Amino acid sequence: MKYVLMFTSTPELDAAVPPERAQEVYGRIYEWFGEHAEHIDDSGAELQPPDTATTVKHGGDAPVVVDGPFSEAKEVVGGFSVINADDLDAAIAIARSWPALALPGVAVEVRPMVVDYSQFEQ
């Protein structure tokens, strides 16, 4: 089954983590991708900050384009990866090994993907 791991943190994290500690964690993240290569379907990507976002949303008669992120939360999605895992427990085990979880405010959301759209056919 496919799962998306969404790597989140809080906006305050960058200011709170010393640069040498952040560099250490980033090095460990690169190792993590190598260690879990057999499960990774799409390595995903790190995302630019939320203030670079543009949102297209419902606007009545036609979609509306607005600057900035539409989703407002305390957490910010900083990146993602698509993995293959036998079940949710296996996906959670992979997510639990995410190196950045050693930093305060970091989380990994594990979400199953819809890969069979036939369930939506009418």
N, C-alpha and C. Protein backbone atom coordinates (compact mmCIF):
# COMPACT_ATOMS: atom_id res chain seq x y z
N MET A 1 0.84 -1.18 0.00
CA MET A 1 0.00 0.00 0.00
C MET A 1 0.89 1.24 0.00
N LYS A 2 0.42 2.28 -0.62
CA LYS A 2 1.18 3.53 -0.67
C LYS A 2 0.73 4.47 0.45
N TYR A 3 1.71 5.13 1.04
CA TYR A 3 1.46 6.12 2.08
C TYR A 3 2.27 7.37 1.76
N VAL A 4 1.74 8.52 2.14
CA VAL A 4 2.48 9.77 2.06
C VAL A 4 2.95 10.09 3.46
N LEU A 5 4.23 10.36 3.60
CA LEU A 5 4.77 10.88 4.85
C LEU A 5 4.92 12.38 4.65
N MET A 6 4.22 13.17 5.45
CA MET A 6 4.33 14.62 5.36
C MET A 6 5.11 15.09 6.58
N PHE A 7 6.23 15.70 6.31
CA PHE A 7 7.14 16.13 7.36
C PHE A 7 6.78 17.56 7.77
N THR A 8 6.38 17.73 9.01
CA THR A 8 5.94 19.04 9.47
C THR A 8 6.80 19.54 10.62
N SER A 9 6.79 20.84 10.79
CA SER A 9 7.44 21.46 11.93
C SER A 9 6.69 22.74 12.24
N THR A 10 7.17 23.47 13.21
CA THR A 10 6.55 24.75 13.54
C THR A 10 7.43 25.86 13.00
N PRO A 11 6.85 27.01 12.70
CA PRO A 11 7.65 28.12 12.17
C PRO A 11 8.78 28.55 13.11
N GLU A 12 8.60 28.33 14.40
CA GLU A 12 9.62 28.74 15.37
C GLU A 12 10.84 27.82 15.38
N LEU A 13 10.71 26.65 14.76
CA LEU A 13 11.77 25.65 14.82
C LEU A 13 13.09 26.17 14.27
N ASP A 14 13.06 26.80 13.10
CA ASP A 14 14.29 27.27 12.48
C ASP A 14 15.07 28.22 13.39
N ALA A 15 14.36 29.08 14.09
CA ALA A 15 15.02 30.04 14.97
C ALA A 15 15.54 29.37 16.24
N ALA A 16 14.91 28.28 16.65
CA ALA A 16 15.26 27.64 17.92
C ALA A 16 16.40 26.64 17.82
N VAL A 17 16.66 26.13 16.62
CA VAL A 17 17.67 25.08 16.46
C VAL A 17 19.00 25.69 16.02
N PRO A 18 20.06 25.44 16.77
CA PRO A 18 21.38 25.95 16.37
C PRO A 18 21.76 25.38 14.99
N PRO A 19 22.42 26.18 14.16
CA PRO A 19 22.77 25.74 12.80
C PRO A 19 23.55 24.42 12.76
N GLU A 20 24.47 24.21 13.71
CA GLU A 20 25.25 22.97 13.69
C GLU A 20 24.36 21.75 13.99
N ARG A 21 23.35 21.93 14.85
CA ARG A 21 22.41 20.84 15.13
C ARG A 21 21.54 20.56 13.91
N ALA A 22 21.07 21.60 13.25
CA ALA A 22 20.27 21.44 12.03
C ALA A 22 21.08 20.72 10.96
N GLN A 23 22.33 21.08 10.80
CA GLN A 23 23.20 20.44 9.81
C GLN A 23 23.38 18.96 10.14
N GLU A 24 23.54 18.64 11.40
CA GLU A 24 23.68 17.25 11.84
C GLU A 24 22.43 16.44 11.47
N VAL A 25 21.25 17.03 11.74
CA VAL A 25 20.00 16.34 11.44
C VAL A 25 19.82 16.18 9.93
N TYR A 26 20.15 17.20 9.16
CA TYR A 26 20.05 17.08 7.70
C TYR A 26 20.95 15.96 7.18
N GLY A 27 22.13 15.83 7.72
CA GLY A 27 23.02 14.73 7.32
C GLY A 27 22.39 13.39 7.62
N ARG A 28 21.74 13.28 8.74
CA ARG A 28 21.06 12.04 9.12
C ARG A 28 19.86 11.77 8.22
N ILE A 29 19.20 12.83 7.76
CA ILE A 29 18.06 12.67 6.85
C ILE A 29 18.52 12.05 5.54
N TYR A 30 19.64 12.49 5.00
CA TYR A 30 20.17 11.90 3.76
C TYR A 30 20.46 10.41 3.96
N GLU A 31 20.99 10.06 5.11
CA GLU A 31 21.23 8.65 5.42
C GLU A 31 19.91 7.88 5.51
N TRP A 32 18.89 8.50 6.10
CA TRP A 32 17.58 7.88 6.25
C TRP A 32 17.02 7.46 4.89
N PHE A 33 17.12 8.36 3.90
CA PHE A 33 16.63 8.03 2.56
C PHE A 33 17.35 6.81 2.00
N GLY A 34 18.64 6.70 2.24
CA GLY A 34 19.38 5.53 1.79
C GLY A 34 18.96 4.27 2.52
N GLU A 35 18.77 4.37 3.82
CA GLU A 35 18.37 3.21 4.62
C GLU A 35 16.99 2.68 4.25
N HIS A 36 16.12 3.55 3.80
CA HIS A 36 14.73 3.17 3.49
C HIS A 36 14.45 3.16 1.99
N ALA A 37 15.48 3.12 1.17
CA ALA A 37 15.31 3.19 -0.29
C ALA A 37 14.37 2.13 -0.83
N GLU A 38 14.36 0.94 -0.23
CA GLU A 38 13.51 -0.14 -0.72
C GLU A 38 12.02 0.17 -0.55
N HIS A 39 11.68 1.08 0.35
CA HIS A 39 10.28 1.44 0.60
C HIS A 39 9.87 2.72 -0.10
N ILE A 40 10.82 3.51 -0.52
CA ILE A 40 10.51 4.83 -1.05
C ILE A 40 10.13 4.72 -2.52
N ASP A 41 8.90 5.14 -2.81
CA ASP A 41 8.37 5.10 -4.17
C ASP A 41 8.73 6.39 -4.90
N ASP A 42 8.69 7.48 -4.17
CA ASP A 42 9.02 8.79 -4.73
C ASP A 42 9.69 9.54 -3.59
N SER A 43 10.93 9.93 -3.79
CA SER A 43 11.65 10.55 -2.69
C SER A 43 11.00 11.83 -2.22
N GLY A 44 10.06 12.38 -3.00
CA GLY A 44 9.39 13.59 -2.58
C GLY A 44 10.30 14.78 -2.70
N ALA A 45 10.08 15.75 -1.85
CA ALA A 45 10.86 16.97 -1.94
C ALA A 45 10.68 17.81 -0.69
N GLU A 46 11.67 18.63 -0.45
CA GLU A 46 11.52 19.65 0.59
C GLU A 46 10.76 20.80 -0.07
N LEU A 47 9.87 21.42 0.67
CA LEU A 47 9.07 22.50 0.12
C LEU A 47 9.62 23.86 0.52
N GLN A 48 9.36 24.85 -0.33
CA GLN A 48 9.71 26.23 0.00
C GLN A 48 8.81 26.70 1.14
N PRO A 49 9.15 27.79 1.82
CA PRO A 49 8.35 28.27 2.96
C PRO A 49 6.92 28.63 2.54
N PRO A 50 5.98 28.60 3.50
CA PRO A 50 4.58 28.89 3.19
C PRO A 50 4.34 30.25 2.54
N ASP A 51 5.19 31.24 2.85
CA ASP A 51 4.95 32.56 2.26
C ASP A 51 5.23 32.60 0.76
N THR A 52 5.72 31.50 0.18
CA THR A 52 5.92 31.44 -1.27
C THR A 52 4.73 30.78 -1.97
N ALA A 53 3.73 30.35 -1.19
CA ALA A 53 2.61 29.59 -1.74
C ALA A 53 1.60 30.48 -2.47
N THR A 54 0.96 29.90 -3.45
CA THR A 54 -0.18 30.47 -4.14
C THR A 54 -1.28 29.43 -4.06
N THR A 55 -2.49 29.84 -3.77
CA THR A 55 -3.59 28.92 -3.60
C THR A 55 -4.68 29.19 -4.63
N VAL A 56 -5.19 28.14 -5.23
CA VAL A 56 -6.35 28.22 -6.11
C VAL A 56 -7.49 27.58 -5.33
N LYS A 57 -8.58 28.32 -5.14
CA LYS A 57 -9.69 27.80 -4.33
C LYS A 57 -11.02 28.15 -4.96
N HIS A 58 -12.06 27.54 -4.42
CA HIS A 58 -13.42 27.79 -4.88
C HIS A 58 -13.73 29.27 -4.76
N GLY A 59 -14.30 29.81 -5.82
CA GLY A 59 -14.63 31.23 -5.80
C GLY A 59 -16.01 31.52 -6.33
N GLY A 60 -16.92 30.57 -6.22
CA GLY A 60 -18.27 30.78 -6.74
C GLY A 60 -18.36 30.28 -8.17
N ASP A 61 -18.41 31.23 -9.12
CA ASP A 61 -18.55 30.86 -10.54
C ASP A 61 -17.26 30.34 -11.14
N ALA A 62 -16.13 30.77 -10.60
CA ALA A 62 -14.84 30.36 -11.16
C ALA A 62 -13.81 30.29 -10.03
N PRO A 63 -12.81 29.43 -10.20
CA PRO A 63 -11.75 29.37 -9.18
C PRO A 63 -11.06 30.73 -9.01
N VAL A 64 -10.61 30.98 -7.80
CA VAL A 64 -9.94 32.23 -7.46
C VAL A 64 -8.51 31.90 -7.06
N VAL A 65 -7.58 32.74 -7.49
CA VAL A 65 -6.17 32.58 -7.14
C VAL A 65 -5.83 33.62 -6.08
N VAL A 66 -5.23 33.15 -4.97
CA VAL A 66 -4.84 34.06 -3.89
C VAL A 66 -3.39 33.79 -3.50
N ASP A 67 -2.72 34.81 -3.02
CA ASP A 67 -1.35 34.64 -2.53
C ASP A 67 -1.39 34.00 -1.16
N GLY A 68 -0.38 33.22 -0.89
CA GLY A 68 -0.23 32.65 0.44
C GLY A 68 -0.90 31.31 0.58
N PRO A 69 -0.57 30.61 1.66
CA PRO A 69 -1.13 29.29 1.88
C PRO A 69 -2.60 29.39 2.29
N PHE A 70 -3.39 28.44 1.85
CA PHE A 70 -4.80 28.39 2.23
C PHE A 70 -4.94 27.74 3.59
N SER A 71 -4.18 26.68 3.82
CA SER A 71 -4.26 25.98 5.10
C SER A 71 -3.53 26.78 6.16
N GLU A 72 -4.22 27.06 7.23
CA GLU A 72 -3.60 27.77 8.33
C GLU A 72 -3.56 26.85 9.54
N ALA A 73 -2.37 26.62 10.02
CA ALA A 73 -2.20 25.75 11.17
C ALA A 73 -0.92 26.14 11.88
N LYS A 74 -0.72 25.60 13.07
CA LYS A 74 0.51 25.86 13.79
C LYS A 74 1.67 25.14 13.14
N GLU A 75 1.37 24.01 12.46
CA GLU A 75 2.42 23.24 11.80
C GLU A 75 2.51 23.65 10.33
N VAL A 76 3.71 23.50 9.79
CA VAL A 76 3.96 23.82 8.39
C VAL A 76 4.50 22.56 7.72
N VAL A 77 3.92 22.18 6.57
CA VAL A 77 4.43 21.03 5.83
C VAL A 77 5.73 21.47 5.17
N GLY A 78 6.81 20.80 5.57
CA GLY A 78 8.13 21.16 5.05
C GLY A 78 8.59 20.26 3.93
N GLY A 79 7.92 19.13 3.75
CA GLY A 79 8.31 18.20 2.69
C GLY A 79 7.46 16.95 2.76
N PHE A 80 7.70 16.05 1.82
CA PHE A 80 6.91 14.83 1.76
C PHE A 80 7.70 13.73 1.07
N SER A 81 7.24 12.52 1.26
CA SER A 81 7.78 11.38 0.56
C SER A 81 6.68 10.35 0.41
N VAL A 82 6.66 9.64 -0.71
CA VAL A 82 5.71 8.56 -0.93
C VAL A 82 6.44 7.25 -0.69
N ILE A 83 5.86 6.41 0.16
CA ILE A 83 6.50 5.12 0.47
C ILE A 83 5.54 3.97 0.18
N ASN A 84 6.10 2.80 0.02
CA ASN A 84 5.34 1.55 -0.07
C ASN A 84 5.56 0.81 1.24
N ALA A 85 4.48 0.39 1.86
CA ALA A 85 4.57 -0.37 3.11
C ALA A 85 3.45 -1.41 3.10
N ASP A 86 3.68 -2.52 3.77
CA ASP A 86 2.69 -3.60 3.81
C ASP A 86 1.39 -3.17 4.46
N ASP A 87 1.48 -2.33 5.49
CA ASP A 87 0.29 -1.89 6.21
C ASP A 87 0.64 -0.63 7.00
N LEU A 88 -0.34 -0.10 7.70
CA LEU A 88 -0.14 1.13 8.47
C LEU A 88 0.94 0.98 9.52
N ASP A 89 0.98 -0.15 10.19
CA ASP A 89 2.01 -0.36 11.22
C ASP A 89 3.41 -0.27 10.63
N ALA A 90 3.61 -0.85 9.44
CA ALA A 90 4.92 -0.77 8.78
C ALA A 90 5.24 0.66 8.38
N ALA A 91 4.24 1.40 7.90
CA ALA A 91 4.45 2.80 7.52
C ALA A 91 4.80 3.64 8.74
N ILE A 92 4.13 3.37 9.86
CA ILE A 92 4.43 4.11 11.09
C ILE A 92 5.84 3.79 11.57
N ALA A 93 6.27 2.55 11.45
CA ALA A 93 7.63 2.18 11.86
C ALA A 93 8.66 2.97 11.05
N ILE A 94 8.42 3.14 9.77
CA ILE A 94 9.33 3.92 8.93
C ILE A 94 9.29 5.38 9.37
N ALA A 95 8.10 5.92 9.59
CA ALA A 95 7.97 7.32 10.00
C ALA A 95 8.64 7.59 11.34
N ARG A 96 8.54 6.63 12.26
CA ARG A 96 9.15 6.80 13.59
C ARG A 96 10.67 6.93 13.52
N SER A 97 11.27 6.46 12.43
CA SER A 97 12.73 6.55 12.31
C SER A 97 13.18 7.85 11.62
N TRP A 98 12.26 8.76 11.31
CA TRP A 98 12.61 10.03 10.68
C TRP A 98 13.53 10.82 11.61
N PRO A 99 14.75 11.11 11.17
CA PRO A 99 15.75 11.73 12.05
C PRO A 99 15.34 13.07 12.65
N ALA A 100 14.58 13.85 11.93
CA ALA A 100 14.22 15.18 12.44
C ALA A 100 13.27 15.12 13.62
N LEU A 101 12.73 13.94 13.93
CA LEU A 101 11.88 13.83 15.13
C LEU A 101 12.68 14.08 16.41
N ALA A 102 13.99 14.14 16.29
CA ALA A 102 14.82 14.47 17.45
C ALA A 102 14.72 15.96 17.80
N LEU A 103 14.12 16.75 16.91
CA LEU A 103 13.98 18.18 17.14
C LEU A 103 12.58 18.49 17.66
N PRO A 104 12.46 19.45 18.57
CA PRO A 104 11.13 19.81 19.08
C PRO A 104 10.27 20.42 17.98
N GLY A 105 8.99 20.11 17.99
CA GLY A 105 8.07 20.70 17.03
C GLY A 105 7.97 19.97 15.70
N VAL A 106 8.74 18.90 15.51
CA VAL A 106 8.71 18.15 14.26
C VAL A 106 7.74 16.99 14.40
N ALA A 107 7.02 16.72 13.34
CA ALA A 107 6.09 15.58 13.30
C ALA A 107 6.09 14.99 11.90
N VAL A 108 5.66 13.75 11.79
CA VAL A 108 5.47 13.11 10.49
C VAL A 108 4.04 12.61 10.43
N GLU A 109 3.28 13.14 9.50
CA GLU A 109 1.92 12.65 9.29
C GLU A 109 2.00 11.49 8.31
N VAL A 110 1.37 10.38 8.65
CA VAL A 110 1.32 9.19 7.80
C VAL A 110 -0.10 9.09 7.27
N ARG A 111 -0.23 9.18 5.93
CA ARG A 111 -1.57 9.15 5.35
C ARG A 111 -1.63 8.18 4.19
N PRO A 112 -2.58 7.22 4.23
CA PRO A 112 -2.73 6.30 3.10
C PRO A 112 -3.14 7.07 1.84
N MET A 113 -2.67 6.60 0.71
CA MET A 113 -3.04 7.21 -0.56
C MET A 113 -4.18 6.42 -1.20
N VAL A 114 -5.00 7.10 -1.96
CA VAL A 114 -6.01 6.43 -2.77
C VAL A 114 -5.31 6.05 -4.07
N VAL A 115 -5.18 4.77 -4.31
CA VAL A 115 -4.50 4.32 -5.53
C VAL A 115 -5.44 3.59 -6.47
N ASP A 116 -6.66 3.32 -6.01
CA ASP A 116 -7.64 2.63 -6.83
C ASP A 116 -8.86 3.54 -6.98
N TYR A 117 -8.90 4.25 -8.09
CA TYR A 117 -9.98 5.22 -8.29
C TYR A 117 -11.27 4.55 -8.77
N SER A 118 -11.25 3.25 -9.02
CA SER A 118 -12.45 2.56 -9.49
C SER A 118 -13.57 2.65 -8.45
N GLN A 119 -13.22 2.85 -7.19
CA GLN A 119 -14.25 2.96 -6.16
C GLN A 119 -15.12 4.21 -6.35
N PHE A 120 -14.64 5.16 -7.16
CA PHE A 120 -15.37 6.38 -7.38
C PHE A 120 -16.20 6.34 -8.66
N GLU A 121 -16.04 5.28 -9.45
CA GLU A 121 -16.78 5.15 -10.71
C GLU A 121 -18.26 4.97 -10.41
N GLN A 122 -19.09 5.54 -11.29
CA GLN A 122 -20.54 5.41 -11.09
C GLN A 122 -21.15 4.58 -12.19
